[in-house]
N, C-alpha and C. Protein backbone atom coordinates (compact mmCIF):
# COMPACT_ATOMS: atom_id res chain seq x y z
N SER A 1 0.83 -1.19 0.00
CA SER A 1 0.00 0.00 0.00
C SER A 1 0.87 1.25 0.00
N ARG A 2 0.29 2.32 -0.40
CA ARG A 2 0.96 3.61 -0.47
C ARG A 2 1.13 4.21 0.94
N VAL A 3 2.29 4.82 1.22
CA VAL A 3 2.52 5.51 2.48
C VAL A 3 1.71 6.81 2.47
N VAL A 4 0.92 7.02 3.52
CA VAL A 4 0.11 8.23 3.60
C VAL A 4 0.64 9.22 4.64
N ALA A 5 1.45 8.74 5.60
CA ALA A 5 2.01 9.65 6.60
C ALA A 5 3.23 9.02 7.26
N ILE A 6 4.24 9.85 7.51
CA ILE A 6 5.38 9.44 8.33
C ILE A 6 5.11 10.00 9.71
N LEU A 7 4.95 9.12 10.68
CA LEU A 7 4.53 9.51 12.02
C LEU A 7 5.70 9.87 12.92
N GLU A 8 6.84 9.20 12.74
CA GLU A 8 8.03 9.45 13.56
C GLU A 8 9.25 9.04 12.76
N GLU A 9 10.31 9.81 12.90
CA GLU A 9 11.57 9.50 12.22
C GLU A 9 12.70 9.91 13.15
N SER A 10 13.46 8.91 13.63
CA SER A 10 14.58 9.19 14.53
C SER A 10 15.73 8.26 14.17
N GLU A 11 16.83 8.38 14.91
CA GLU A 11 17.96 7.49 14.65
C GLU A 11 17.63 6.05 15.01
N ASP A 12 16.66 5.85 15.90
CA ASP A 12 16.34 4.51 16.41
C ASP A 12 15.20 3.82 15.68
N CYS A 13 14.27 4.59 15.14
CA CYS A 13 13.11 3.96 14.54
C CYS A 13 12.43 4.86 13.52
N VAL A 14 11.57 4.23 12.76
CA VAL A 14 10.71 4.94 11.82
C VAL A 14 9.30 4.38 12.00
N ARG A 15 8.31 5.27 12.14
CA ARG A 15 6.91 4.86 12.21
C ARG A 15 6.18 5.54 11.07
N PHE A 16 5.43 4.75 10.31
CA PHE A 16 4.67 5.34 9.22
C PHE A 16 3.36 4.60 9.02
N GLU A 17 2.46 5.26 8.31
CA GLU A 17 1.12 4.73 8.07
C GLU A 17 0.91 4.57 6.57
N THR A 18 0.37 3.41 6.19
CA THR A 18 -0.04 3.21 4.80
C THR A 18 -1.56 3.33 4.75
N GLN A 19 -2.12 3.10 3.60
CA GLN A 19 -3.57 3.22 3.47
C GLN A 19 -4.33 2.23 4.36
N ASN A 20 -3.66 1.12 4.73
CA ASN A 20 -4.38 0.12 5.53
C ASN A 20 -3.61 -0.45 6.71
N SER A 21 -2.41 0.09 7.01
CA SER A 21 -1.61 -0.45 8.12
C SER A 21 -0.72 0.64 8.73
N HIS A 22 -0.28 0.37 9.97
CA HIS A 22 0.73 1.21 10.63
C HIS A 22 1.98 0.35 10.80
N TYR A 23 3.16 0.94 10.60
CA TYR A 23 4.42 0.22 10.72
C TYR A 23 5.33 0.93 11.69
N HIS A 24 6.09 0.15 12.46
CA HIS A 24 7.10 0.66 13.38
C HIS A 24 8.35 -0.17 13.11
N LEU A 25 9.36 0.47 12.51
CA LEU A 25 10.58 -0.23 12.13
C LEU A 25 11.73 0.19 13.03
N SER A 26 12.39 -0.79 13.64
CA SER A 26 13.60 -0.53 14.40
C SER A 26 14.76 -0.47 13.42
N MET A 27 15.61 0.52 13.56
CA MET A 27 16.73 0.68 12.63
C MET A 27 18.00 0.01 13.14
N SER A 28 17.93 -0.68 14.26
CA SER A 28 19.08 -1.39 14.80
C SER A 28 19.42 -2.56 13.88
N PRO A 29 20.64 -2.84 13.55
CA PRO A 29 21.89 -2.24 14.01
C PRO A 29 22.39 -1.11 13.11
N PHE A 30 21.57 -0.52 12.29
CA PHE A 30 21.99 0.55 11.37
C PHE A 30 21.17 1.80 11.65
N PRO A 31 21.41 2.48 12.78
CA PRO A 31 20.55 3.59 13.19
C PRO A 31 20.51 4.76 12.22
N LEU A 32 21.58 5.05 11.51
CA LEU A 32 21.57 6.20 10.61
C LEU A 32 20.73 5.97 9.36
N ALA A 33 20.33 4.75 9.10
CA ALA A 33 19.49 4.47 7.93
C ALA A 33 18.14 5.17 8.04
N ALA A 34 17.69 5.45 9.24
CA ALA A 34 16.40 6.13 9.41
C ALA A 34 16.47 7.60 9.06
N VAL A 35 17.61 8.23 9.27
CA VAL A 35 17.71 9.67 9.04
C VAL A 35 18.40 10.03 7.74
N SER A 36 19.10 9.09 7.14
CA SER A 36 19.74 9.37 5.86
C SER A 36 19.65 8.14 4.95
N PRO A 37 18.44 7.86 4.48
CA PRO A 37 18.24 6.65 3.66
C PRO A 37 18.94 6.75 2.31
N LEU A 38 19.31 5.60 1.78
CA LEU A 38 19.90 5.54 0.45
C LEU A 38 18.83 5.84 -0.59
N PRO A 39 19.22 6.44 -1.69
CA PRO A 39 18.26 6.58 -2.79
C PRO A 39 17.75 5.21 -3.21
N VAL A 40 16.53 5.13 -3.66
CA VAL A 40 15.90 3.86 -4.00
C VAL A 40 16.73 3.08 -5.00
N ARG A 41 17.31 3.75 -5.97
CA ARG A 41 18.10 3.04 -6.98
C ARG A 41 19.29 2.34 -6.35
N LEU A 42 19.98 3.01 -5.41
CA LEU A 42 21.12 2.38 -4.76
C LEU A 42 20.68 1.28 -3.81
N ALA A 43 19.60 1.49 -3.11
CA ALA A 43 19.12 0.48 -2.17
C ALA A 43 18.71 -0.79 -2.91
N ALA A 44 18.17 -0.66 -4.09
CA ALA A 44 17.75 -1.83 -4.86
C ALA A 44 18.94 -2.64 -5.33
N CYS A 45 20.09 -2.01 -5.48
CA CYS A 45 21.29 -2.70 -5.94
C CYS A 45 22.04 -3.35 -4.80
N ALA A 46 21.80 -2.91 -3.58
CA ALA A 46 22.56 -3.39 -2.42
C ALA A 46 22.17 -4.80 -2.06
């Protein structure tokens, strides 16, 4: 589903809402991934 809102963004976690669900993602062991994500093209290649 499409993301409709980003509820929280920190070094430790990301919380967001899609059209039909809420997600809470822990960024451990890569805490900076929440605040400086890779561009989609690079992330797809990783």
